[in-house]
Protein backbone atom coordinates (compact mmCIF):
# COMPACT_ATOMS: atom_id res chain seq x y z
CA MET A 1 -5.92 -10.44 3.20
CA ILE A 2 -8.36 -8.99 0.65
CA LEU A 3 -8.29 -5.68 2.55
CA TYR A 4 -4.48 -5.70 2.37
CA PHE A 5 -4.56 -5.98 -1.42
CA ARG A 6 -7.27 -3.30 -1.63
CA ILE A 7 -5.00 -0.92 0.31
CA LEU A 8 -2.05 -1.67 -1.97
CA LYS A 9 -4.24 -1.23 -5.05
CA PHE A 10 -5.52 2.09 -3.68
CA LEU A 11 -1.97 3.28 -3.01
CA ALA A 12 -0.90 2.21 -6.50
CA GLU A 13 -3.82 4.06 -8.11
CA ALA A 14 -3.18 7.15 -5.99
CA TYR A 15 -0.04 7.82 -8.07
CA PRO A 16 0.17 8.64 -11.79
CA LYS A 17 1.42 5.79 -13.97
CA GLU A 18 4.79 7.43 -14.63
CA ASP A 19 5.51 7.33 -10.88
CA THR A 20 5.35 3.52 -10.68
CA TYR A 21 9.14 3.53 -10.10
CA VAL A 22 8.55 5.54 -6.92
CA ILE A 23 5.94 3.00 -5.79
CA ARG A 24 8.33 0.12 -6.45
CA THR A 25 11.21 1.70 -4.52
CA SER A 26 8.99 2.59 -1.55
CA ASN A 27 7.04 -0.69 -1.75
CA GLU A 28 8.42 -1.96 1.57
CA LYS A 29 7.32 1.24 3.29
CA LEU A 30 3.82 0.95 1.78
CA VAL A 31 3.54 -2.67 2.90
CA PHE A 32 4.64 -1.65 6.40
CA ILE A 33 2.03 1.14 6.54
CA ALA A 34 -0.67 -1.21 5.19
CA CYS A 35 0.21 -3.82 7.81
CA LYS A 36 0.04 -1.18 10.57
CA ILE A 37 -3.40 -0.09 9.35
CA ILE A 38 -4.61 -3.71 9.33
CA VAL A 39 -3.24 -4.31 12.84
CA LEU A 40 -5.06 -1.19 14.11
CA LEU A 41 -8.32 -2.22 12.41
CA PHE A 42 -8.31 -5.73 13.87
CA LYS A 43 -7.22 -4.81 17.41
């Protein structure tokens, strides 16, 4: 769970602050990608 939040924090920091709207609109996609990464890591 901590890793999940680290990934989301990394993705949030990867964008400039003025693009937070883009992050919010594509949040579901980011969560999906993060979950896929976690599933692959713990297989």
